[in-house]
Amino acid sequence: MARFTVLIAAVILAFVVAVPEVTAKKYTVGENKFWNPNINYTIWAQGKHFYLGDWLYFVFDRNQHNILEVNKTDYENCNADHPLVNWTRGAGRDIVTLNVTKHYYLLDGKGGCYGGMKLAVKVEKLPPPPKAAPVKSTGLVSMATGVAQFVIPFALFSVSTMRDAILRMW
C-alpha cells in the first residue's frame, strides 16, 4: 500500500511540476514540390511564422541548385556573387537553422533565382505564453485556495509516506 501511495504521489507531482515543452518546427521548403524553379516561395511562406530554433529543410538536385544566404539588395537583384553564407552541404538535403532573430534572404545561386528560387523569412522570438485566466471565486473560498487545501496536505502526506517507506527499507 505504501508503495502504491508513493507511486500515486510521484505521478501527481510530475503533473503538477510539468512544464509544457516548446519544440522547434521543421519546414520543408516548397512542401512536396521542394526547392525547384517556377514555384513562388513568397506565397509558400505567407501565413507562416518563423521562430528562433525553427529550421528550413531544403530538398533539391545538388548538381543543379544550391542555397545561399545574401543581403536584401542581392536578394532583390538575384545576385549570388557575394553570399553571406553557403548553406549547401552537397547532399541536396540541406538545413538552414534559424538561430538568429533577423531576416534571412535565401536564393539559388546557380541561376534558379530567376526562376523564382528565392525565399525571404523573418525570424522572431517565440511569443510569451498566454496569461492564465483569472480564477473565479466560488463563495467564500476561491478555487485556487480549494485546490491548495487539497494538494498541500496530500503532498505532505505523500512526503511523509515516502520517508517512512525509505526508512523501512534501511
C-alpha atoms as a PDB file:
ATOM      1  CA  MET A   1       0.000   0.000   0.000  1.00  0.00           C
ATOM      2  CA  ALA A   2       2.801   2.404   0.867  1.00  0.00           C
ATOM      3  CA  ARG A   3       4.491   1.818  -2.486  1.00  0.00           C
ATOM      4  CA  PHE A   4       1.211   2.476  -4.283  1.00  0.00           C
ATOM      5  CA  THR A   5       0.812   5.750  -2.380  1.00  0.00           C
ATOM      6  CA  VAL A   6       4.371   6.734  -3.265  1.00  0.00           C
ATOM      7  CA  LEU A   7       3.698   5.946  -6.923  1.00  0.00           C
ATOM      8  CA  ILE A   8       0.487   7.989  -6.907  1.00  0.00           C
ATOM      9  CA  ALA A   9       2.296  10.895  -5.230  1.00  0.00           C
ATOM     10  CA  ALA A  10       5.090  10.770  -7.808  1.00  0.00           C
ATOM     11  CA  VAL A  11       2.609  10.790 -10.703  1.00  0.00           C
ATOM     12  CA  ILE A  12       0.675  13.724  -9.266  1.00  0.00           C
ATOM     13  CA  LEU A  13       3.900  15.598  -8.581  1.00  0.00           C
ATOM     14  CA  ALA A  14       5.002  15.027 -12.179  1.00  0.00           C
ATOM     15  CA  PHE A  15       1.763  16.539 -13.466  1.00  0.00           C
ATOM     16  CA  VAL A  16       1.926  19.482 -11.079  1.00  0.00           C
ATOM     17  CA  VAL A  17       5.540  20.290 -11.928  1.00  0.00           C
ATOM     18  CA  ALA A  18       5.355  19.504 -15.650  1.00  0.00           C
ATOM     19  CA  VAL A  19       6.189  22.406 -17.918  1.00  0.00           C
ATOM     20  CA  PRO A  20       4.903  22.389 -21.484  1.00  0.00           C
ATOM     21  CA  GLU A  21       7.702  21.600 -23.905  1.00  0.00           C
ATOM     22  CA  VAL A  22       8.420  24.039 -26.699  1.00  0.00           C
ATOM     23  CA  THR A  23       9.985  22.470 -29.744  1.00  0.00           C
ATOM     24  CA  ALA A  24      11.407  23.865 -32.916  1.00  0.00           C
ATOM     25  CA  LYS A  25       9.410  23.426 -36.069  1.00  0.00           C
ATOM     26  CA  LYS A  26      10.767  21.919 -39.270  1.00  0.00           C
ATOM     27  CA  TYR A  27       9.582  23.480 -42.513  1.00  0.00           C
ATOM     28  CA  THR A  28      10.104  21.550 -45.733  1.00  0.00           C
ATOM     29  CA  VAL A  29      10.612  24.387 -48.191  1.00  0.00           C
ATOM     30  CA  GLY A  30       8.077  24.118 -51.010  1.00  0.00           C
ATOM     31  CA  GLU A  31       6.258  21.261 -49.223  1.00  0.00           C
ATOM     32  CA  ASN A  32       6.103  18.291 -51.651  1.00  0.00           C
ATOM     33  CA  LYS A  33       7.437  20.369 -54.589  1.00  0.00           C
ATOM     34  CA  PHE A  34      10.676  21.086 -52.679  1.00  0.00           C
ATOM     35  CA  TRP A  35      13.333  23.601 -53.870  1.00  0.00           C
ATOM     36  CA  ASN A  36      12.697  23.834 -57.608  1.00  0.00           C
ATOM     37  CA  PRO A  37      12.187  26.516 -60.263  1.00  0.00           C
ATOM     38  CA  ASN A  38       8.817  28.053 -61.090  1.00  0.00           C
ATOM     39  CA  ILE A  39       7.487  27.918 -57.551  1.00  0.00           C
ATOM     40  CA  ASN A  40       6.565  31.119 -55.739  1.00  0.00           C
ATOM     41  CA  TYR A  41       8.258  30.733 -52.367  1.00  0.00           C
ATOM     42  CA  THR A  42       6.886  34.085 -51.215  1.00  0.00           C
ATOM     43  CA  ILE A  43       3.403  32.601 -51.418  1.00  0.00           C
ATOM     44  CA  TRP A  44       4.645  29.395 -49.752  1.00  0.00           C
ATOM     45  CA  ALA A  45       5.959  31.424 -46.779  1.00  0.00           C
ATOM     46  CA  GLN A  46       2.786  33.524 -46.372  1.00  0.00           C
ATOM     47  CA  GLY A  47       0.939  32.827 -43.161  1.00  0.00           C
ATOM     48  CA  LYS A  48       3.871  31.006 -41.609  1.00  0.00           C
ATOM     49  CA  HIS A  49       5.602  32.344 -38.513  1.00  0.00           C
ATOM     50  CA  PHE A  50       9.271  31.505 -38.161  1.00  0.00           C
ATOM     51  CA  TYR A  51      10.714  31.489 -34.655  1.00  0.00           C
ATOM     52  CA  LEU A  52      14.156  31.086 -33.127  1.00  0.00           C
ATOM     53  CA  GLY A  53      15.210  27.454 -33.305  1.00  0.00           C
ATOM     54  CA  ASP A  54      12.999  26.559 -36.274  1.00  0.00           C
ATOM     55  CA  TRP A  55      14.698  25.179 -39.336  1.00  0.00           C
ATOM     56  CA  LEU A  56      14.197  25.102 -43.062  1.00  0.00           C
ATOM     57  CA  TYR A  57      14.687  21.768 -44.809  1.00  0.00           C
ATOM     58  CA  PHE A  58      15.643  22.063 -48.485  1.00  0.00           C
ATOM     59  CA  VAL A  59      15.407  19.133 -50.907  1.00  0.00           C
ATOM     60  CA  PHE A  60      16.899  19.675 -54.373  1.00  0.00           C
ATOM     61  CA  ASP A  61      19.130  18.301 -57.115  1.00  0.00           C
ATOM     62  CA  ARG A  62      22.579  19.126 -55.796  1.00  0.00           C
ATOM     63  CA  ASN A  63      24.056  19.266 -59.312  1.00  0.00           C
ATOM     64  CA  GLN A  64      21.642  21.984 -60.419  1.00  0.00           C
ATOM     65  CA  HIS A  65      20.865  24.088 -57.329  1.00  0.00           C
ATOM     66  CA  ASN A  66      22.236  25.376 -54.048  1.00  0.00           C
ATOM     67  CA  ILE A  67      21.210  27.547 -51.099  1.00  0.00           C
ATOM     68  CA  LEU A  68      22.947  30.835 -50.478  1.00  0.00           C
ATOM     69  CA  GLU A  69      22.161  33.481 -47.911  1.00  0.00           C
ATOM     70  CA  VAL A  70      22.619  37.007 -49.236  1.00  0.00           C
ATOM     71  CA  ASN A  71      21.800  40.547 -48.155  1.00  0.00           C
ATOM     72  CA  LYS A  72      18.487  42.181 -49.058  1.00  0.00           C
ATOM     73  CA  THR A  73      19.837  44.069 -52.093  1.00  0.00           C
ATOM     74  CA  ASP A  74      21.437  40.963 -53.587  1.00  0.00           C
ATOM     75  CA  TYR A  75      18.232  39.026 -52.864  1.00  0.00           C
ATOM     76  CA  GLU A  76      16.106  41.583 -54.718  1.00  0.00           C
ATOM     77  CA  ASN A  77      18.545  41.575 -57.677  1.00  0.00           C
ATOM     78  CA  CYS A  78      19.138  37.788 -57.736  1.00  0.00           C
ATOM     79  CA  ASN A  79      22.838  38.421 -57.229  1.00  0.00           C
ATOM     80  CA  ALA A  80      24.714  35.421 -55.815  1.00  0.00           C
ATOM     81  CA  ASP A  81      28.213  36.880 -56.245  1.00  0.00           C
ATOM     82  CA  HIS A  82      28.666  37.848 -52.565  1.00  0.00           C
ATOM     83  CA  PRO A  83      26.927  35.250 -50.384  1.00  0.00           C
ATOM     84  CA  LEU A  84      26.933  35.760 -46.619  1.00  0.00           C
ATOM     85  CA  VAL A  85      26.579  32.009 -46.023  1.00  0.00           C
ATOM     86  CA  ASN A  86      26.575  28.996 -48.308  1.00  0.00           C
ATOM     87  CA  TRP A  87      24.131  26.604 -46.632  1.00  0.00           C
ATOM     88  CA  THR A  88      24.702  23.890 -49.230  1.00  0.00           C
ATOM     89  CA  ARG A  89      26.489  20.855 -47.835  1.00  0.00           C
ATOM     90  CA  GLY A  90      26.473  18.859 -51.056  1.00  0.00           C
ATOM     91  CA  ALA A  91      23.806  16.259 -50.395  1.00  0.00           C
ATOM     92  CA  GLY A  92      20.776  18.091 -51.760  1.00  0.00           C
ATOM     93  CA  ARG A  93      19.097  17.582 -48.389  1.00  0.00           C
ATOM     94  CA  ASP A  94      20.244  20.666 -46.538  1.00  0.00           C
ATOM     95  CA  ILE A  95      19.117  22.538 -43.457  1.00  0.00           C
ATOM     96  CA  VAL A  96      19.102  26.229 -42.636  1.00  0.00           C
ATOM     97  CA  THR A  97      18.871  26.625 -38.880  1.00  0.00           C
ATOM     98  CA  LEU A  98      17.044  29.798 -37.938  1.00  0.00           C
ATOM     99  CA  ASN A  99      19.078  30.599 -34.845  1.00  0.00           C
ATOM    100  CA  VAL A 100      19.193  34.421 -35.056  1.00  0.00           C
ATOM    101  CA  THR A 101      16.296  36.880 -34.970  1.00  0.00           C
ATOM    102  CA  LYS A 102      16.657  38.596 -38.332  1.00  0.00           C
ATOM    103  CA  HIS A 103      15.531  38.475 -41.949  1.00  0.00           C
ATOM    104  CA  TYR A 104      17.045  35.561 -43.851  1.00  0.00           C
ATOM    105  CA  TYR A 105      17.380  36.136 -47.588  1.00  0.00           C
ATOM    106  CA  LEU A 106      17.982  32.831 -49.363  1.00  0.00           C
ATOM    107  CA  LEU A 107      18.342  32.107 -53.050  1.00  0.00           C
ATOM    108  CA  ASP A 108      19.602  29.557 -55.541  1.00  0.00           C
ATOM    109  CA  GLY A 109      22.991  30.768 -56.714  1.00  0.00           C
ATOM    110  CA  LYS A 110      23.120  28.539 -59.794  1.00  0.00           C
ATOM    111  CA  GLY A 111      20.641  30.596 -61.796  1.00  0.00           C
ATOM    112  CA  GLY A 112      17.431  29.334 -60.229  1.00  0.00           C
ATOM    113  CA  CYS A 113      16.760  32.653 -58.557  1.00  0.00           C
ATOM    114  CA  TYR A 114      15.462  33.993 -61.868  1.00  0.00           C
ATOM    115  CA  GLY A 115      13.072  31.042 -61.942  1.00  0.00           C
ATOM    116  CA  GLY A 116      11.672  32.070 -58.547  1.00  0.00           C
ATOM    117  CA  MET A 117      14.037  30.093 -56.339  1.00  0.00           C
ATOM    118  CA  LYS A 118      14.393  32.654 -53.592  1.00  0.00           C
ATOM    119  CA  LEU A 119      12.934  32.830 -50.120  1.00  0.00           C
ATOM    120  CA  ALA A 120      12.853  35.593 -47.506  1.00  0.00           C
ATOM    121  CA  VAL A 121      11.822  34.780 -43.952  1.00  0.00           C
ATOM    122  CA  LYS A 122      11.694  36.919 -40.836  1.00  0.00           C
ATOM    123  CA  VAL A 123      12.704  35.060 -37.689  1.00  0.00           C
ATOM    124  CA  GLU A 124      11.216  36.262 -34.418  1.00  0.00           C
ATOM    125  CA  LYS A 125      11.476  35.361 -30.763  1.00  0.00           C
ATOM    126  CA  LEU A 126       8.851  32.935 -29.567  1.00  0.00           C
ATOM    127  CA  PRO A 127       5.890  34.899 -28.193  1.00  0.00           C
ATOM    128  CA  PRO A 128       5.281  34.649 -24.443  1.00  0.00           C
ATOM    129  CA  PRO A 129       2.729  32.078 -23.358  1.00  0.00           C
ATOM    130  CA  PRO A 130      -0.807  33.373 -22.880  1.00  0.00           C
ATOM    131  CA  LYS A 131      -1.638  34.646 -19.425  1.00  0.00           C
ATOM    132  CA  ALA A 132      -3.781  32.387 -17.288  1.00  0.00           C
ATOM    133  CA  ALA A 133      -7.385  33.385 -16.927  1.00  0.00           C
ATOM    134  CA  PRO A 134      -8.243  34.798 -13.501  1.00  0.00           C
ATOM    135  CA  VAL A 135      -9.644  32.271 -11.074  1.00  0.00           C
ATOM    136  CA  LYS A 136     -13.283  32.943 -10.289  1.00  0.00           C
ATOM    137  CA  SER A 137     -14.337  32.981  -6.673  1.00  0.00           C
ATOM    138  CA  THR A 138     -16.680  30.233  -5.538  1.00  0.00           C
ATOM    139  CA  GLY A 139     -18.345  31.635  -2.445  1.00  0.00           C
ATOM    140  CA  LEU A 140     -16.009  32.267   0.454  1.00  0.00           C
ATOM    141  CA  VAL A 141     -13.198  30.074  -0.844  1.00  0.00           C
ATOM    142  CA  SER A 142     -11.630  30.584  -4.246  1.00  0.00           C
ATOM    143  CA  MET A 143     -10.910  27.615  -6.448  1.00  0.00           C
ATOM    144  CA  ALA A 144      -7.166  28.170  -6.034  1.00  0.00           C
ATOM    145  CA  THR A 145      -7.456  28.040  -2.274  1.00  0.00           C
ATOM    146  CA  GLY A 146      -9.609  24.935  -2.520  1.00  0.00           C
ATOM    147  CA  VAL A 147      -7.024  23.200  -4.684  1.00  0.00           C
ATOM    148  CA  ALA A 148      -4.240  24.290  -2.347  1.00  0.00           C
ATOM    149  CA  GLN A 149      -6.202  22.966   0.630  1.00  0.00           C
ATOM    150  CA  PHE A 150      -6.269  19.560  -1.064  1.00  0.00           C
ATOM    151  CA  VAL A 151      -2.807  19.464  -2.646  1.00  0.00           C
ATOM    152  CA  ILE A 152      -0.714  20.705   0.283  1.00  0.00           C
ATOM    153  CA  PRO A 153      -1.935  18.140   2.838  1.00  0.00           C
ATOM    154  CA  PHE A 154      -1.776  15.408   0.191  1.00  0.00           C
ATOM    155  CA  ALA A 155       1.785  16.393  -0.715  1.00  0.00           C
ATOM    156  CA  LEU A 156       2.805  16.468   2.964  1.00  0.00           C
ATOM    157  CA  PHE A 157       1.184  13.082   3.496  1.00  0.00           C
ATOM    158  CA  SER A 158       2.956  11.726   0.404  1.00  0.00           C
ATOM    159  CA  VAL A 159       6.349  13.018   1.511  1.00  0.00           C
ATOM    160  CA  SER A 160       5.779  11.589   4.957  1.00  0.00           C
ATOM    161  CA  THR A 161       4.764   8.234   3.450  1.00  0.00           C
ATOM    162  CA  MET A 162       7.782   8.192   1.148  1.00  0.00           C
ATOM    163  CA  ARG A 163      10.068   8.970   4.099  1.00  0.00           C
ATOM    164  CA  ASP A 164       8.519   6.136   6.137  1.00  0.00           C
ATOM    165  CA  ALA A 165       8.870   3.719   3.212  1.00  0.00           C
ATOM    166  CA  ILE A 166      12.527   4.643   2.751  1.00  0.00           C
ATOM    167  CA  LEU A 167      13.229   4.285   6.488  1.00  0.00           C
ATOM    168  CA  ARG A 168      11.625   0.812   6.476  1.00  0.00           C
ATOM    169  CA  MET A 169      13.993  -0.255   3.692  1.00  0.00           C
ATOM    170  CA  TRP A 170      17.030   0.540   5.917  1.00  0.00           C
END
